[in-house]
Amino acid sequence: MAKNTTKPDPKKKSYTFVRVGENLYRIKETGGYYALIKRNRKQIRRSLKTTDKSMANRRLQALLKKVENLRIDAKISNITFLEYSQRWLEKTGVNVKEKTSQRLKHCLDGLTPYIGYSGQEYFSP
């Protein structure tokens, strides 16, 4: 049986990442810096949008603080779609007009029967 092999796209550039510090990588071809962070079995990769190492380190520290604030709580991770949509409506209802809030509630009420009350298969923390 023949194997299906795909040829690399000649237009697509390949970049070489060089590790220059903890969670800090530099692209060899462009000199730009990237942050690579692992948190809760997930990998977060962000461009630090700089070619200066000291600036990259400062931006990396700021990003690490943001990632540290990400929380996975058992109570929040098992939230149903209905509970999540109600919480979302409370938060967004402050910044929108009353008619917009009513329309959003109507849309979510229409979605709930299709997504179900749990909806956990669609959302993950």
PDB file of N, CA and C in Angstrom:
ATOM      1  N   MET A   1       0.839  -1.163   0.000  1.00  0.00           N
ATOM      2  CA  MET A   1       0.000   0.000   0.000  1.00  0.00           C
ATOM      3  C   MET A   1       0.889   1.234   0.000  1.00  0.00           C
ATOM      4  N   ALA A   2       0.596   2.177  -0.876  1.00  0.00           N
ATOM      5  CA  ALA A   2       1.414   3.368  -1.030  1.00  0.00           C
ATOM      6  C   ALA A   2       1.117   4.362   0.099  1.00  0.00           C
ATOM      7  N   LYS A   3       2.159   5.004   0.563  1.00  0.00           N
ATOM      8  CA  LYS A   3       2.001   6.007   1.600  1.00  0.00           C
ATOM      9  C   LYS A   3       1.710   7.354   0.955  1.00  0.00           C
ATOM     10  N   ASN A   4       0.857   8.117   1.597  1.00  0.00           N
ATOM     11  CA  ASN A   4       0.604   9.471   1.149  1.00  0.00           C
ATOM     12  C   ASN A   4       1.660  10.372   1.771  1.00  0.00           C
ATOM     13  N   THR A   5       2.467  10.965   0.950  1.00  0.00           N
ATOM     14  CA  THR A   5       3.482  11.869   1.468  1.00  0.00           C
ATOM     15  C   THR A   5       3.176  13.269   0.967  1.00  0.00           C
ATOM     16  N   THR A   6       3.347  14.206   1.835  1.00  0.00           N
ATOM     17  CA  THR A   6       3.131  15.592   1.448  1.00  0.00           C
ATOM     18  C   THR A   6       4.479  16.274   1.345  1.00  0.00           C
ATOM     19  N   LYS A   7       4.614  17.044   0.304  1.00  0.00           N
ATOM     20  CA  LYS A   7       5.858  17.784   0.107  1.00  0.00           C
ATOM     21  C   LYS A   7       5.741  19.120   0.822  1.00  0.00           C
ATOM     22  N   PRO A   8       6.806  19.594   1.414  1.00  0.00           N
ATOM     23  CA  PRO A   8       6.756  20.886   2.083  1.00  0.00           C
ATOM     24  C   PRO A   8       6.488  21.997   1.077  1.00  0.00           C
ATOM     25  N   ASP A   9       5.721  22.966   1.500  1.00  0.00           N
ATOM     26  CA  ASP A   9       5.397  24.106   0.647  1.00  0.00           C
ATOM     27  C   ASP A   9       6.652  24.947   0.445  1.00  0.00           C
ATOM     28  N   PRO A  10       7.090  25.139  -0.812  1.00  0.00           N
ATOM     29  CA  PRO A  10       8.319  25.901  -1.029  1.00  0.00           C
ATOM     30  C   PRO A  10       8.181  27.377  -0.658  1.00  0.00           C
ATOM     31  N   LYS A  11       6.963  27.888  -0.617  1.00  0.00           N
ATOM     32  CA  LYS A  11       6.746  29.294  -0.272  1.00  0.00           C
ATOM     33  C   LYS A  11       6.814  29.529   1.234  1.00  0.00           C
ATOM     34  N   LYS A  12       6.551  28.493   2.007  1.00  0.00           N
ATOM     35  CA  LYS A  12       6.529  28.614   3.453  1.00  0.00           C
ATOM     36  C   LYS A  12       7.947  28.562   4.012  1.00  0.00           C
ATOM     37  N   LYS A  13       8.283  29.582   4.800  1.00  0.00           N
ATOM     38  CA  LYS A  13       9.618  29.630   5.393  1.00  0.00           C
ATOM     39  C   LYS A  13       9.669  28.760   6.636  1.00  0.00           C
ATOM     40  N   SER A  14      10.792  28.110   6.836  1.00  0.00           N
ATOM     41  CA  SER A  14      10.979  27.363   8.077  1.00  0.00           C
ATOM     42  C   SER A  14      11.948  28.156   8.951  1.00  0.00           C
ATOM     43  N   TYR A  15      11.599  28.239  10.205  1.00  0.00           N
ATOM     44  CA  TYR A  15      12.406  29.000  11.148  1.00  0.00           C
ATOM     45  C   TYR A  15      13.076  28.061  12.136  1.00  0.00           C
ATOM     46  N   THR A  16      14.250  28.450  12.564  1.00  0.00           N
ATOM     47  CA  THR A  16      14.998  27.696  13.545  1.00  0.00           C
ATOM     48  C   THR A  16      14.959  28.455  14.865  1.00  0.00           C
ATOM     49  N   PHE A  17      14.411  27.809  15.904  1.00  0.00           N
ATOM     50  CA  PHE A  17      14.350  28.412  17.229  1.00  0.00           C
ATOM     51  C   PHE A  17      15.578  27.985  18.024  1.00  0.00           C
ATOM     52  N   VAL A  18      16.259  28.967  18.595  1.00  0.00           N
ATOM     53  CA  VAL A  18      17.447  28.715  19.412  1.00  0.00           C
ATOM     54  C   VAL A  18      17.123  29.131  20.839  1.00  0.00           C
ATOM     55  N   ARG A  19      17.331  28.219  21.773  1.00  0.00           N
ATOM     56  CA  ARG A  19      17.052  28.532  23.166  1.00  0.00           C
ATOM     57  C   ARG A  19      18.147  29.429  23.713  1.00  0.00           C
ATOM     58  N   VAL A  20      17.733  30.569  24.274  1.00  0.00           N
ATOM     59  CA  VAL A  20      18.707  31.510  24.826  1.00  0.00           C
ATOM     60  C   VAL A  20      18.520  31.721  26.319  1.00  0.00           C
ATOM     61  N   GLY A  21      17.476  31.155  26.879  1.00  0.00           N
ATOM     62  CA  GLY A  21      17.230  31.280  28.310  1.00  0.00           C
ATOM     63  C   GLY A  21      16.016  30.464  28.680  1.00  0.00           C
ATOM     64  N   GLU A  22      15.694  30.468  29.953  1.00  0.00           N
ATOM     65  CA  GLU A  22      14.529  29.722  30.396  1.00  0.00           C
ATOM     66  C   GLU A  22      13.274  30.361  29.823  1.00  0.00           C
ATOM     67  N   ASN A  23      12.492  29.589  29.081  1.00  0.00           N
ATOM     68  CA  ASN A  23      11.265  30.021  28.417  1.00  0.00           C
ATOM     69  C   ASN A  23      11.503  31.062  27.323  1.00  0.00           C
ATOM     70  N   LEU A  24      12.726  31.285  26.923  1.00  0.00           N
ATOM     71  CA  LEU A  24      13.045  32.321  25.938  1.00  0.00           C
ATOM     72  C   LEU A  24      13.768  31.709  24.741  1.00  0.00           C
ATOM     73  N   TYR A  25      13.238  31.967  23.555  1.00  0.00           N
ATOM     74  CA  TYR A  25      13.809  31.439  22.318  1.00  0.00           C
ATOM     75  C   TYR A  25      13.978  32.578  21.322  1.00  0.00           C
ATOM     76  N   ARG A  26      15.005  32.438  20.469  1.00  0.00           N
ATOM     77  CA  ARG A  26      15.273  33.432  19.434  1.00  0.00           C
ATOM     78  C   ARG A  26      15.186  32.740  18.084  1.00  0.00           C
ATOM     79  N   ILE A  27      14.575  33.425  17.119  1.00  0.00           N
ATOM     80  CA  ILE A  27      14.521  32.888  15.760  1.00  0.00           C
ATOM     81  C   ILE A  27      15.830  33.242  15.086  1.00  0.00           C
ATOM     82  N   LYS A  28      16.510  32.227  14.622  1.00  0.00           N
ATOM     83  CA  LYS A  28      17.844  32.405  14.053  1.00  0.00           C
ATOM     84  C   LYS A  28      17.810  33.314  12.817  1.00  0.00           C
ATOM     85  N   GLU A  29      16.802  33.128  11.969  1.00  0.00           N
ATOM     86  CA  GLU A  29      16.756  33.857  10.701  1.00  0.00           C
ATOM     87  C   GLU A  29      16.408  35.336  10.859  1.00  0.00           C
ATOM     88  N   THR A  30      15.521  35.670  11.801  1.00  0.00           N
ATOM     89  CA  THR A  30      15.068  37.059  11.936  1.00  0.00           C
ATOM     90  C   THR A  30      15.624  37.767  13.161  1.00  0.00           C
ATOM     91  N   GLY A  31      16.031  37.014  14.173  1.00  0.00           N
ATOM     92  CA  GLY A  31      16.546  37.618  15.398  1.00  0.00           C
ATOM     93  C   GLY A  31      15.452  37.967  16.396  1.00  0.00           C
ATOM     94  N   GLY A  32      14.189  37.686  16.075  1.00  0.00           N
ATOM     95  CA  GLY A  32      13.080  37.969  16.979  1.00  0.00           C
ATOM     96  C   GLY A  32      13.013  36.967  18.118  1.00  0.00           C
ATOM     97  N   TYR A  33      12.430  37.392  19.230  1.00  0.00           N
ATOM     98  CA  TYR A  33      12.346  36.551  20.421  1.00  0.00           C
ATOM     99  C   TYR A  33      10.927  36.039  20.645  1.00  0.00           C
ATOM    100  N   TYR A  34      10.853  34.821  21.142  1.00  0.00           N
ATOM    101  CA  TYR A  34       9.581  34.172  21.468  1.00  0.00           C
ATOM    102  C   TYR A  34       9.634  33.641  22.886  1.00  0.00           C
ATOM    103  N   ALA A  35       8.467  33.655  23.532  1.00  0.00           N
ATOM    104  CA  ALA A  35       8.329  33.031  24.849  1.00  0.00           C
ATOM    105  C   ALA A  35       7.627  31.700  24.660  1.00  0.00           C
ATOM    106  N   LEU A  36       8.108  30.684  25.328  1.00  0.00           N
ATOM    107  CA  LEU A  36       7.482  29.363  25.287  1.00  0.00           C
ATOM    108  C   LEU A  36       7.287  28.914  26.730  1.00  0.00           C
ATOM    109  N   ILE A  37       6.018  28.888  27.157  1.00  0.00           N
ATOM    110  CA  ILE A  37       5.687  28.611  28.547  1.00  0.00           C
ATOM    111  C   ILE A  37       4.740  27.422  28.593  1.00  0.00           C
ATOM    112  N   LYS A  38       4.938  26.537  29.557  1.00  0.00           N
ATOM    113  CA  LYS A  38       4.026  25.417  29.748  1.00  0.00           C
ATOM    114  C   LYS A  38       3.303  25.609  31.078  1.00  0.00           C
ATOM    115  N   ARG A  39       1.974  25.510  31.015  1.00  0.00           N
ATOM    116  CA  ARG A  39       1.156  25.696  32.220  1.00  0.00           C
ATOM    117  C   ARG A  39      -0.057  24.784  32.119  1.00  0.00           C
ATOM    118  N   ASN A  40      -0.289  23.977  33.135  1.00  0.00           N
ATOM    119  CA  ASN A  40      -1.434  23.069  33.184  1.00  0.00           C
ATOM    120  C   ASN A  40      -1.543  22.210  31.931  1.00  0.00           C
ATOM    121  N   ARG A  41      -0.460  21.582  31.580  1.00  0.00           N
ATOM    122  CA  ARG A  41      -0.370  20.685  30.429  1.00  0.00           C
ATOM    123  C   ARG A  41      -0.666  21.384  29.108  1.00  0.00           C
ATOM    124  N   LYS A  42      -0.567  22.697  29.074  1.00  0.00           N
ATOM    125  CA  LYS A  42      -0.762  23.439  27.843  1.00  0.00           C
ATOM    126  C   LYS A  42       0.475  24.269  27.570  1.00  0.00           C
ATOM    127  N   GLN A  43       0.768  24.410  26.283  1.00  0.00           N
ATOM    128  CA  GLN A  43       1.932  25.180  25.873  1.00  0.00           C
ATOM    129  C   GLN A  43       1.465  26.522  25.348  1.00  0.00           C
ATOM    130  N   ILE A  44       2.081  27.576  25.829  1.00  0.00           N
ATOM    131  CA  ILE A  44       1.752  28.931  25.396  1.00  0.00           C
ATOM    132  C   ILE A  44       2.980  29.496  24.711  1.00  0.00           C
ATOM    133  N   ARG A  45       2.834  29.869  23.441  1.00  0.00           N
ATOM    134  CA  ARG A  45       3.947  30.448  22.688  1.00  0.00           C
ATOM    135  C   ARG A  45       3.521  31.817  22.198  1.00  0.00           C
ATOM    136  N   ARG A  46       4.295  32.826  22.531  1.00  0.00           N
ATOM    137  CA  ARG A  46       3.978  34.199  22.151  1.00  0.00           C
ATOM    138  C   ARG A  46       5.215  34.884  21.593  1.00  0.00           C
ATOM    139  N   SER A  47       4.989  35.674  20.580  1.00  0.00           N
ATOM    140  CA  SER A  47       6.058  36.516  20.077  1.00  0.00           C
ATOM    141  C   SER A  47       6.233  37.674  21.045  1.00  0.00           C
ATOM    142  N   LEU A  48       7.457  37.996  21.354  1.00  0.00           N
ATOM    143  CA  LEU A  48       7.726  39.117  22.247  1.00  0.00           C
ATOM    144  C   LEU A  48       7.938  40.409  21.454  1.00  0.00           C
ATOM    145  N   LYS A  49       7.875  40.314  20.135  1.00  0.00           N
ATOM    146  CA  LYS A  49       7.907  41.458  19.219  1.00  0.00           C
ATOM    147  C   LYS A  49       9.099  42.386  19.461  1.00  0.00           C
ATOM    148  N   THR A  50      10.254  41.775  19.598  1.00  0.00           N
ATOM    149  CA  THR A  50      11.479  42.557  19.756  1.00  0.00           C
ATOM    150  C   THR A  50      12.674  41.730  19.311  1.00  0.00           C
ATOM    151  N   THR A  51      13.738  42.427  18.980  1.00  0.00           N
ATOM    152  CA  THR A  51      14.994  41.752  18.662  1.00  0.00           C
ATOM    153  C   THR A  51      16.045  42.049  19.725  1.00  0.00           C
ATOM    154  N   ASP A  52      15.680  42.822  20.742  1.00  0.00           N
ATOM    155  CA  ASP A  52      16.583  43.183  21.830  1.00  0.00           C
ATOM    156  C   ASP A  52      16.395  42.195  22.990  1.00  0.00           C
ATOM    157  N   LYS A  53      17.490  41.597  23.435  1.00  0.00           N
ATOM    158  CA  LYS A  53      17.397  40.557  24.462  1.00  0.00           C
ATOM    159  C   LYS A  53      16.906  41.094  25.803  1.00  0.00           C
ATOM    160  N   SER A  54      17.366  42.262  26.216  1.00  0.00           N
ATOM    161  CA  SER A  54      16.942  42.791  27.514  1.00  0.00           C
ATOM    162  C   SER A  54      15.450  43.152  27.491  1.00  0.00           C
ATOM    163  N   MET A  55      14.986  43.687  26.361  1.00  0.00           N
ATOM    164  CA  MET A  55      13.561  43.988  26.223  1.00  0.00           C
ATOM    165  C   MET A  55      12.750  42.682  26.216  1.00  0.00           C
ATOM    166  N   ALA A  56      13.283  41.660  25.566  1.00  0.00           N
ATOM    167  CA  ALA A  56      12.611  40.359  25.518  1.00  0.00           C
ATOM    168  C   ALA A  56      12.489  39.770  26.923  1.00  0.00           C
ATOM    169  N   ASN A  57      13.533  39.912  27.723  1.00  0.00           N
ATOM    170  CA  ASN A  57      13.481  39.407  29.101  1.00  0.00           C
ATOM    171  C   ASN A  57      12.425  40.143  29.925  1.00  0.00           C
ATOM    172  N   ARG A  58      12.318  41.461  29.751  1.00  0.00           N
ATOM    173  CA  ARG A  58      11.298  42.229  30.483  1.00  0.00           C
ATOM    174  C   ARG A  58       9.895  41.809  30.054  1.00  0.00           C
ATOM    175  N   ARG A  59       9.700  41.652  28.745  1.00  0.00           N
ATOM    176  CA  ARG A  59       8.383  41.240  28.253  1.00  0.00           C
ATOM    177  C   ARG A  59       8.056  39.805  28.674  1.00  0.00           C
ATOM    178  N   LEU A  60       9.078  38.971  28.746  1.00  0.00           N
ATOM    179  CA  LEU A  60       8.875  37.597  29.201  1.00  0.00           C
ATOM    180  C   LEU A  60       8.416  37.586  30.655  1.00  0.00           C
ATOM    181  N   GLN A  61       9.038  38.398  31.500  1.00  0.00           N
ATOM    182  CA  GLN A  61       8.642  38.453  32.908  1.00  0.00           C
ATOM    183  C   GLN A  61       7.204  38.933  33.053  1.00  0.00           C
ATOM    184  N   ALA A  62       6.801  39.918  32.240  1.00  0.00           N
ATOM    185  CA  ALA A  62       5.417  40.401  32.287  1.00  0.00           C
ATOM    186  C   ALA A  62       4.453  39.304  31.842  1.00  0.00           C
ATOM    187  N   LEU A  63       4.836  38.559  30.810  1.00  0.00           N
ATOM    188  CA  LEU A  63       3.999  37.466  30.330  1.00  0.00           C
ATOM    189  C   LEU A  63       3.901  36.349  31.361  1.00  0.00           C
ATOM    190  N   LEU A  64       5.003  36.056  32.029  1.00  0.00           N
ATOM    191  CA  LEU A  64       4.987  35.025  33.074  1.00  0.00           C
ATOM    192  C   LEU A  64       4.041  35.407  34.211  1.00  0.00           C
ATOM    193  N   LYS A  65       3.995  36.688  34.565  1.00  0.00           N
ATOM    194  CA  LYS A  65       3.068  37.140  35.607  1.00  0.00           C
ATOM    195  C   LYS A  65       1.627  36.951  35.152  1.00  0.00           C
ATOM    196  N   LYS A  66       1.355  37.259  33.871  1.00  0.00           N
ATOM    197  CA  LYS A  66       0.004  37.064  33.345  1.00  0.00           C
ATOM    198  C   LYS A  66      -0.387  35.596  33.375  1.00  0.00           C
ATOM    199  N   VAL A  67       0.526  34.731  32.949  1.00  0.00           N
ATOM    200  CA  VAL A  67       0.251  33.300  32.904  1.00  0.00           C
ATOM    201  C   VAL A  67       0.075  32.761  34.315  1.00  0.00           C
ATOM    202  N   GLU A  68       0.816  33.295  35.263  1.00  0.00           N
ATOM    203  CA  GLU A  68       0.704  32.855  36.653  1.00  0.00           C
ATOM    204  C   GLU A  68      -0.686  33.167  37.205  1.00  0.00           C
ATOM    205  N   ASN A  69      -1.302  34.227  36.708  1.00  0.00           N
ATOM    206  CA  ASN A  69      -2.629  34.610  37.180  1.00  0.00           C
ATOM    207  C   ASN A  69      -3.741  33.751  36.586  1.00  0.00           C
ATOM    208  N   LEU A  70      -3.420  32.969  35.552  1.00  0.00           N
ATOM    209  CA  LEU A  70      -4.419  32.052  35.009  1.00  0.00           C
ATOM    210  C   LEU A  70      -4.721  31.011  36.069  1.00  0.00           C
ATOM    211  N   ARG A  71      -5.965  30.806  36.338  1.00  0.00           N
ATOM    212  CA  ARG A  71      -6.289  29.845  37.376  1.00  0.00           C
ATOM    213  C   ARG A  71      -7.256  28.805  36.849  1.00  0.00           C
ATOM    214  N   ILE A  72      -7.044  27.613  37.300  1.00  0.00           N
ATOM    215  CA  ILE A  72      -7.927  26.511  36.979  1.00  0.00           C
ATOM    216  C   ILE A  72      -8.517  26.042  38.301  1.00  0.00           C
ATOM    217  N   ASP A  73      -9.748  26.352  38.512  1.00  0.00           N
ATOM    218  CA  ASP A  73     -10.435  25.982  39.733  1.00  0.00           C
ATOM    219  C   ASP A  73     -11.435  24.885  39.396  1.00  0.00           C
ATOM    220  N   ALA A  74     -11.517  23.874  40.210  1.00  0.00           N
ATOM    221  CA  ALA A  74     -12.440  22.761  39.950  1.00  0.00           C
ATOM    222  C   ALA A  74     -13.874  23.264  39.864  1.00  0.00           C
ATOM    223  N   LYS A  75     -14.199  24.249  40.664  1.00  0.00           N
ATOM    224  CA  LYS A  75     -15.549  24.803  40.664  1.00  0.00           C
ATOM    225  C   LYS A  75     -15.839  25.492  39.325  1.00  0.00           C
ATOM    226  N   ILE A  76     -14.860  26.193  38.796  1.00  0.00           N
ATOM    227  CA  ILE A  76     -15.046  26.917  37.537  1.00  0.00           C
ATOM    228  C   ILE A  76     -14.942  25.977  36.339  1.00  0.00           C
ATOM    229  N   SER A  77     -14.080  24.979  36.405  1.00  0.00           N
ATOM    230  CA  SER A  77     -13.884  24.109  35.248  1.00  0.00           C
ATOM    231  C   SER A  77     -15.083  23.204  34.992  1.00  0.00           C
ATOM    232  N   ASN A  78     -15.945  23.001  35.968  1.00  0.00           N
ATOM    233  CA  ASN A  78     -17.128  22.166  35.775  1.00  0.00           C
ATOM    234  C   ASN A  78     -18.393  22.989  35.597  1.00  0.00           C
ATOM    235  N   ILE A  79     -18.256  24.221  35.144  1.00  0.00           N
ATOM    236  CA  ILE A  79     -19.396  25.103  34.987  1.00  0.00           C
ATOM    237  C   ILE A  79     -20.204  24.691  33.755  1.00  0.00           C
ATOM    238  N   THR A  80     -21.510  24.830  33.841  1.00  0.00           N
ATOM    239  CA  THR A  80     -22.368  24.485  32.709  1.00  0.00           C
ATOM    240  C   THR A  80     -22.475  25.669  31.757  1.00  0.00           C
ATOM    241  N   PHE A  81     -22.935  25.393  30.555  1.00  0.00           N
ATOM    242  CA  PHE A  81     -23.102  26.463  29.574  1.00  0.00           C
ATOM    243  C   PHE A  81     -24.101  27.499  30.072  1.00  0.00           C
ATOM    244  N   LEU A  82     -25.160  27.039  30.701  1.00  0.00           N
ATOM    245  CA  LEU A  82     -26.185  27.950  31.205  1.00  0.00           C
ATOM    246  C   LEU A  82     -25.609  28.891  32.262  1.00  0.00           C
ATOM    247  N   GLU A  83     -24.832  28.347  33.203  1.00  0.00           N
ATOM    248  CA  GLU A  83     -24.212  29.178  34.245  1.00  0.00           C
ATOM    249  C   GLU A  83     -23.209  30.150  33.641  1.00  0.00           C
ATOM    250  N   TYR A  84     -22.421  29.646  32.690  1.00  0.00           N
ATOM    251  CA  TYR A  84     -21.421  30.504  32.064  1.00  0.00           C
ATOM    252  C   TYR A  84     -22.089  31.643  31.301  1.00  0.00           C
ATOM    253  N   SER A  85     -23.142  31.333  30.565  1.00  0.00           N
ATOM    254  CA  SER A  85     -23.807  32.376  29.787  1.00  0.00           C
ATOM    255  C   SER A  85     -24.452  33.412  30.703  1.00  0.00           C
ATOM    256  N   GLN A  86     -24.995  32.974  31.844  1.00  0.00           N
ATOM    257  CA  GLN A  86     -25.572  33.932  32.787  1.00  0.00           C
ATOM    258  C   GLN A  86     -24.510  34.842  33.384  1.00  0.00           C
ATOM    259  N   ARG A  87     -23.358  34.272  33.727  1.00  0.00           N
ATOM    260  CA  ARG A  87     -22.251  35.088  34.256  1.00  0.00           C
ATOM    261  C   ARG A  87     -21.774  36.079  33.209  1.00  0.00           C
ATOM    262  N   TRP A  88     -21.687  35.608  31.970  1.00  0.00           N
ATOM    263  CA  TRP A  88     -21.231  36.476  30.883  1.00  0.00           C
ATOM    264  C   TRP A  88     -22.215  37.620  30.668  1.00  0.00           C
ATOM    265  N   LEU A  89     -23.502  37.326  30.696  1.00  0.00           N
ATOM    266  CA  LEU A  89     -24.517  38.361  30.528  1.00  0.00           C
ATOM    267  C   LEU A  89     -24.443  39.412  31.629  1.00  0.00           C
ATOM    268  N   GLU A  90     -24.191  38.985  32.854  1.00  0.00           N
ATOM    269  CA  GLU A  90     -24.064  39.933  33.957  1.00  0.00           C
ATOM    270  C   GLU A  90     -22.895  40.889  33.730  1.00  0.00           C
ATOM    271  N   LYS A  91     -21.773  40.331  33.247  1.00  0.00           N
ATOM    272  CA  LYS A  91     -20.585  41.157  33.025  1.00  0.00           C
ATOM    273  C   LYS A  91     -20.763  42.101  31.841  1.00  0.00           C
ATOM    274  N   THR A  92     -21.322  41.601  30.733  1.00  0.00           N
ATOM    275  CA  THR A  92     -21.462  42.440  29.544  1.00  0.00           C
ATOM    276  C   THR A  92     -22.655  43.368  29.630  1.00  0.00           C
ATOM    277  N   GLY A  93     -23.636  43.028  30.453  1.00  0.00           N
ATOM    278  CA  GLY A  93     -24.831  43.860  30.579  1.00  0.00           C
ATOM    279  C   GLY A  93     -24.535  45.251  31.091  1.00  0.00           C
ATOM    280  N   VAL A  94     -23.445  45.420  31.782  1.00  0.00           N
ATOM    281  CA  VAL A  94     -23.069  46.719  32.328  1.00  0.00           C
ATOM    282  C   VAL A  94     -22.624  47.667  31.216  1.00  0.00           C
ATOM    283  N   ASN A  95     -21.983  47.129  30.194  1.00  0.00           N
ATOM    284  CA  ASN A  95     -21.377  47.963  29.159  1.00  0.00           C
ATOM    285  C   ASN A  95     -22.225  48.132  27.907  1.00  0.00           C
ATOM    286  N   VAL A  96     -23.413  47.575  27.868  1.00  0.00           N
ATOM    287  CA  VAL A  96     -24.247  47.666  26.672  1.00  0.00           C
ATOM    288  C   VAL A  96     -25.609  48.242  27.027  1.00  0.00           C
ATOM    289  N   LYS A  97     -26.331  48.672  25.986  1.00  0.00           N
ATOM    290  CA  LYS A  97     -27.668  49.203  26.202  1.00  0.00           C
ATOM    291  C   LYS A  97     -28.622  48.077  26.589  1.00  0.00           C
ATOM    292  N   GLU A  98     -29.742  48.465  27.189  1.00  0.00           N
ATOM    293  CA  GLU A  98     -30.729  47.498  27.668  1.00  0.00           C
ATOM    294  C   GLU A  98     -31.256  46.621  26.533  1.00  0.00           C
ATOM    295  N   LYS A  99     -31.523  47.215  25.388  1.00  0.00           N
ATOM    296  CA  LYS A  99     -32.052  46.461  24.250  1.00  0.00           C
ATOM    297  C   LYS A  99     -31.032  45.424  23.760  1.00  0.00           C
ATOM    298  N   THR A 100     -29.746  45.785  23.755  1.00  0.00           N
ATOM    299  CA  THR A 100     -28.688  44.858  23.347  1.00  0.00           C
ATOM    300  C   THR A 100     -28.603  43.701  24.336  1.00  0.00           C
ATOM    301  N   SER A 101     -28.696  44.011  25.607  1.00  0.00           N
ATOM    302  CA  SER A 101     -28.653  42.968  26.636  1.00  0.00           C
ATOM    303  C   SER A 101     -29.820  41.993  26.463  1.00  0.00           C
ATOM    304  N   GLN A 102     -31.006  42.516  26.147  1.00  0.00           N
ATOM    305  CA  GLN A 102     -32.169  41.648  25.926  1.00  0.00           C
ATOM    306  C   GLN A 102     -31.959  40.749  24.708  1.00  0.00           C
ATOM    307  N   ARG A 103     -31.371  41.320  23.642  1.00  0.00           N
ATOM    308  CA  ARG A 103     -31.124  40.541  22.426  1.00  0.00           C
ATOM    309  C   ARG A 103     -30.109  39.432  22.701  1.00  0.00           C
ATOM    310  N   LEU A 104     -29.059  39.730  23.442  1.00  0.00           N
ATOM    311  CA  LEU A 104     -28.069  38.712  23.782  1.00  0.00           C
ATOM    312  C   LEU A 104     -28.688  37.592  24.613  1.00  0.00           C
ATOM    313  N   LYS A 105     -29.538  37.961  25.564  1.00  0.00           N
ATOM    314  CA  LYS A 105     -30.204  36.955  26.385  1.00  0.00           C
ATOM    315  C   LYS A 105     -31.099  36.079  25.513  1.00  0.00           C
ATOM    316  N   HIS A 106     -31.807  36.688  24.576  1.00  0.00           N
ATOM    317  CA  HIS A 106     -32.669  35.929  23.672  1.00  0.00           C
ATOM    318  C   HIS A 106     -31.844  34.945  22.829  1.00  0.00           C
ATOM    319  N   CYS A 107     -30.684  35.392  22.329  1.00  0.00           N
ATOM    320  CA  CYS A 107     -29.810  34.519  21.530  1.00  0.00           C
ATOM    321  C   CYS A 107     -29.305  33.342  22.358  1.00  0.00           C
ATOM    322  N   LEU A 108     -28.878  33.614  23.580  1.00  0.00           N
ATOM    323  CA  LEU A 108     -28.374  32.543  24.444  1.00  0.00           C
ATOM    324  C   LEU A 108     -29.486  31.573  24.841  1.00  0.00           C
ATOM    325  N   ASP A 109     -30.693  32.093  25.050  1.00  0.00           N
ATOM    326  CA  ASP A 109     -31.819  31.210  25.347  1.00  0.00           C
ATOM    327  C   ASP A 109     -32.101  30.285  24.174  1.00  0.00           C
ATOM    328  N   GLY A 110     -31.876  30.773  22.962  1.00  0.00           N
ATOM    329  CA  GLY A 110     -32.064  29.943  21.775  1.00  0.00           C
ATOM    330  C   GLY A 110     -30.963  28.905  21.607  1.00  0.00           C
ATOM    331  N   LEU A 111     -29.754  29.213  22.062  1.00  0.00           N
ATOM    332  CA  LEU A 111     -28.627  28.278  21.935  1.00  0.00           C
ATOM    333  C   LEU A 111     -28.664  27.161  22.971  1.00  0.00           C
ATOM    334  N   THR A 112     -29.166  27.461  24.148  1.00  0.00           N
ATOM    335  CA  THR A 112     -29.109  26.515  25.258  1.00  0.00           C
ATOM    336  C   THR A 112     -29.687  25.136  24.927  1.00  0.00           C
ATOM    337  N   PRO A 113     -30.846  25.028  24.251  1.00  0.00           N
ATOM    338  CA  PRO A 113     -31.354  23.683  23.945  1.00  0.00           C
ATOM    339  C   PRO A 113     -30.443  22.884  23.015  1.00  0.00           C
ATOM    340  N   TYR A 114     -29.699  23.563  22.138  1.00  0.00           N
ATOM    341  CA  TYR A 114     -28.830  22.861  21.194  1.00  0.00           C
ATOM    342  C   TYR A 114     -27.501  22.466  21.820  1.00  0.00           C
ATOM    343  N   ILE A 115     -26.953  23.335  22.639  1.00  0.00           N
ATOM    344  CA  ILE A 115     -25.671  23.033  23.285  1.00  0.00           C
ATOM    345  C   ILE A 115     -25.908  22.134  24.492  1.00  0.00           C
ATOM    346  N   GLY A 116     -27.042  22.291  25.083  1.00  0.00           N
ATOM    347  CA  GLY A 116     -27.342  21.501  26.272  1.00  0.00           C
ATOM    348  C   GLY A 116     -27.013  22.299  27.508  1.00  0.00           C
ATOM    349  N   TYR A 117     -27.423  21.773  28.619  1.00  0.00           N
ATOM    350  CA  TYR A 117     -27.186  22.504  29.856  1.00  0.00           C
ATOM    351  C   TYR A 117     -25.781  22.310  30.377  1.00  0.00           C
ATOM    352  N   SER A 118     -25.137  21.213  29.972  1.00  0.00           N
ATOM    353  CA  SER A 118     -23.765  21.039  30.451  1.00  0.00           C
ATOM    354  C   SER A 118     -22.802  21.801  29.566  1.00  0.00           C
ATOM    355  N   GLY A 119     -22.755  21.478  28.269  1.00  0.00           N
ATOM    356  CA  GLY A 119     -21.892  22.186  27.342  1.00  0.00           C
ATOM    357  C   GLY A 119     -20.415  22.025  27.624  1.00  0.00           C
ATOM    358  N   GLN A 120     -20.035  21.111  28.521  1.00  0.00           N
ATOM    359  CA  GLN A 120     -18.637  20.989  28.906  1.00  0.00           C
ATOM    360  C   GLN A 120     -17.770  20.449  27.786  1.00  0.00           C
ATOM    361  N   GLU A 121     -18.369  19.744  26.832  1.00  0.00           N
ATOM    362  CA  GLU A 121     -17.571  19.218  25.738  1.00  0.00           C
ATOM    363  C   GLU A 121     -17.129  20.333  24.780  1.00  0.00           C
ATOM    364  N   TYR A 122     -17.757  21.515  24.888  1.00  0.00           N
ATOM    365  CA  TYR A 122     -17.395  22.621  24.007  1.00  0.00           C
ATOM    366  C   TYR A 122     -16.396  23.564  24.641  1.00  0.00           C
ATOM    367  N   PHE A 123     -16.318  23.581  25.951  1.00  0.00           N
ATOM    368  CA  PHE A 123     -15.468  24.532  26.644  1.00  0.00           C
ATOM    369  C   PHE A 123     -14.460  23.783  27.501  1.00  0.00           C
ATOM    370  N   SER A 124     -13.234  24.267  27.459  1.00  0.00           N
ATOM    371  CA  SER A 124     -12.227  23.714  28.369  1.00  0.00           C
ATOM    372  C   SER A 124     -11.434  24.868  28.938  1.00  0.00           C
ATOM    373  N   PRO A 125     -11.028  24.787  30.176  1.00  0.00           N
ATOM    374  CA  PRO A 125     -10.286  25.892  30.795  1.00  0.00           C
ATOM    375  C   PRO A 125      -8.914  26.051  30.195  1.00  0.00           C
TER     376      PRO A 125
END
